[in-house]
Amino acid sequence: MGSLGDVMSDEKQFYLKVFPPHRRARIHKAECKHCRHGQGQENQDKGTGPTYWVGFTSFAAADAHMKSLDPRFKDVGVCQYCKPA
């Protein structure tokens, strides 16, 4: 895990959280309390499941990646808390 300096120098402004078992994906702003630069919610059980985060420098890149997921991913969109766009 990187230091705060590493996070601050990171140019990723948007993150996509992918939930394969639920065929769901959400785009978040990096500073969203649910994202925290791809670390997820504080005190959240990270477990060993297949859920993962992918960082992007632009909303368009995150959206394009989300749209390229397996067509069975039907529940996709943006976080309703931070509403990136």
C-alpha atoms as a PDB file:
ATOM      1  CA  MET A   1       0.000   0.000   0.000  1.00  0.00           C
ATOM      2  CA  GLY A   2       1.355   3.394  -0.951  1.00  0.00           C
ATOM      3  CA  SER A   3       1.808   6.403   1.252  1.00  0.00           C
ATOM      4  CA  LEU A   4      -0.402   9.476   1.206  1.00  0.00           C
ATOM      5  CA  GLY A   5       2.227  11.105  -1.013  1.00  0.00           C
ATOM      6  CA  ASP A   6       1.774   8.301  -3.535  1.00  0.00           C
ATOM      7  CA  VAL A   7      -1.997   8.800  -3.511  1.00  0.00           C
ATOM      8  CA  MET A   8      -1.656  12.549  -3.948  1.00  0.00           C
ATOM      9  CA  SER A   9       0.725  12.163  -6.906  1.00  0.00           C
ATOM     10  CA  ASP A  10      -1.599   9.637  -8.521  1.00  0.00           C
ATOM     11  CA  GLU A  11      -3.431  11.250 -11.436  1.00  0.00           C
ATOM     12  CA  LYS A  12      -6.404   8.900 -11.256  1.00  0.00           C
ATOM     13  CA  GLN A  13      -9.504  11.001 -10.713  1.00  0.00           C
ATOM     14  CA  PHE A  14     -12.164   8.303 -11.222  1.00  0.00           C
ATOM     15  CA  TYR A  15     -12.455   4.688 -10.129  1.00  0.00           C
ATOM     16  CA  LEU A  16     -14.666   1.889 -11.359  1.00  0.00           C
ATOM     17  CA  LYS A  17     -15.762  -0.674  -8.783  1.00  0.00           C
ATOM     18  CA  VAL A  18     -16.654  -3.981 -10.388  1.00  0.00           C
ATOM     19  CA  PHE A  19     -18.827  -6.570  -8.620  1.00  0.00           C
ATOM     20  CA  PRO A  20     -18.629  -9.692 -10.865  1.00  0.00           C
ATOM     21  CA  PRO A  21     -20.921 -11.924  -8.762  1.00  0.00           C
ATOM     22  CA  HIS A  22     -23.694  -9.325  -8.991  1.00  0.00           C
ATOM     23  CA  ARG A  23     -22.848  -8.189 -12.552  1.00  0.00           C
ATOM     24  CA  ARG A  24     -22.729  -4.625 -11.258  1.00  0.00           C
ATOM     25  CA  ALA A  25     -20.267  -1.758 -11.754  1.00  0.00           C
ATOM     26  CA  ARG A  26     -20.151   1.836 -10.473  1.00  0.00           C
ATOM     27  CA  ILE A  27     -17.971   4.831 -11.359  1.00  0.00           C
ATOM     28  CA  HIS A  28     -16.833   6.988  -8.422  1.00  0.00           C
ATOM     29  CA  LYS A  29     -14.855  10.195  -8.030  1.00  0.00           C
ATOM     30  CA  ALA A  30     -11.509   9.359  -6.415  1.00  0.00           C
ATOM     31  CA  GLU A  31     -12.341  11.405  -3.307  1.00  0.00           C
ATOM     32  CA  CYS A  32     -15.783   9.793  -2.794  1.00  0.00           C
ATOM     33  CA  LYS A  33     -16.184   8.385   0.731  1.00  0.00           C
ATOM     34  CA  HIS A  34     -17.224   5.061  -0.805  1.00  0.00           C
ATOM     35  CA  CYS A  35     -14.121   4.940  -3.031  1.00  0.00           C
ATOM     36  CA  ARG A  36     -11.229   6.642  -1.216  1.00  0.00           C
ATOM     37  CA  HIS A  37      -8.905   6.404  -4.234  1.00  0.00           C
ATOM     38  CA  GLY A  38      -9.811   2.781  -4.892  1.00  0.00           C
ATOM     39  CA  GLN A  39      -9.454   1.626  -1.282  1.00  0.00           C
ATOM     40  CA  GLY A  40     -13.182   1.270  -0.630  1.00  0.00           C
ATOM     41  CA  GLN A  41     -15.102   2.308   2.444  1.00  0.00           C
ATOM     42  CA  GLU A  42     -13.213   2.683   5.685  1.00  0.00           C
ATOM     43  CA  ASN A  43     -13.556  -0.379   7.942  1.00  0.00           C
ATOM     44  CA  GLN A  44     -15.160  -2.338   5.103  1.00  0.00           C
ATOM     45  CA  ASP A  45     -14.415  -6.056   5.118  1.00  0.00           C
ATOM     46  CA  LYS A  46     -12.271  -6.461   2.005  1.00  0.00           C
ATOM     47  CA  GLY A  47     -12.556 -10.239   2.093  1.00  0.00           C
ATOM     48  CA  THR A  48     -11.024 -12.337  -0.638  1.00  0.00           C
ATOM     49  CA  GLY A  49     -13.895 -12.053  -3.111  1.00  0.00           C
ATOM     50  CA  PRO A  50     -13.681 -11.094  -6.763  1.00  0.00           C
ATOM     51  CA  THR A  51     -14.756  -7.446  -6.323  1.00  0.00           C
ATOM     52  CA  TYR A  52     -12.105  -4.993  -7.545  1.00  0.00           C
ATOM     53  CA  TRP A  53     -11.329  -1.318  -8.327  1.00  0.00           C
ATOM     54  CA  VAL A  54      -9.790   0.129 -11.514  1.00  0.00           C
ATOM     55  CA  GLY A  55      -8.490   3.727 -11.641  1.00  0.00           C
ATOM     56  CA  PHE A  56      -8.756   6.158 -14.570  1.00  0.00           C
ATOM     57  CA  THR A  57      -7.586   9.681 -15.363  1.00  0.00           C
ATOM     58  CA  SER A  58     -10.899  10.676 -16.961  1.00  0.00           C
ATOM     59  CA  PHE A  59     -14.594   9.948 -16.623  1.00  0.00           C
ATOM     60  CA  ALA A  60     -14.719   9.045 -20.333  1.00  0.00           C
ATOM     61  CA  ALA A  61     -12.066   6.342 -19.865  1.00  0.00           C
ATOM     62  CA  ALA A  62     -13.878   4.884 -16.840  1.00  0.00           C
ATOM     63  CA  ASP A  63     -17.184   4.924 -18.717  1.00  0.00           C
ATOM     64  CA  ALA A  64     -15.634   3.260 -21.786  1.00  0.00           C
ATOM     65  CA  HIS A  65     -14.137   0.510 -19.627  1.00  0.00           C
ATOM     66  CA  MET A  66     -17.450  -0.026 -17.837  1.00  0.00           C
ATOM     67  CA  LYS A  67     -19.230  -0.327 -21.198  1.00  0.00           C
ATOM     68  CA  SER A  68     -16.627  -2.871 -22.358  1.00  0.00           C
ATOM     69  CA  LEU A  69     -17.419  -5.268 -19.491  1.00  0.00           C
ATOM     70  CA  ASP A  70     -19.123  -8.559 -20.213  1.00  0.00           C
ATOM     71  CA  PRO A  71     -22.593  -7.850 -21.698  1.00  0.00           C
ATOM     72  CA  ARG A  72     -24.126  -9.722 -18.765  1.00  0.00           C
ATOM     73  CA  PHE A  73     -23.241  -6.694 -16.582  1.00  0.00           C
ATOM     74  CA  LYS A  74     -26.672  -5.043 -16.601  1.00  0.00           C
ATOM     75  CA  ASP A  75     -26.528  -2.978 -13.387  1.00  0.00           C
ATOM     76  CA  VAL A  76     -23.971  -0.312 -14.336  1.00  0.00           C
ATOM     77  CA  GLY A  77     -23.800   3.417 -13.725  1.00  0.00           C
ATOM     78  CA  VAL A  78     -22.392   6.133 -11.517  1.00  0.00           C
ATOM     79  CA  CYS A  79     -22.256   6.375  -7.740  1.00  0.00           C
ATOM     80  CA  GLN A  80     -25.375   8.136  -6.491  1.00  0.00           C
ATOM     81  CA  TYR A  81     -23.407   9.685  -3.636  1.00  0.00           C
ATOM     82  CA  CYS A  82     -20.634  11.505  -5.559  1.00  0.00           C
ATOM     83  CA  LYS A  83     -22.397  11.609  -8.979  1.00  0.00           C
ATOM     84  CA  PRO A  84     -19.309  11.760 -11.217  1.00  0.00           C
ATOM     85  CA  ALA A  85     -19.645  12.995 -14.783  1.00  0.00           C
END
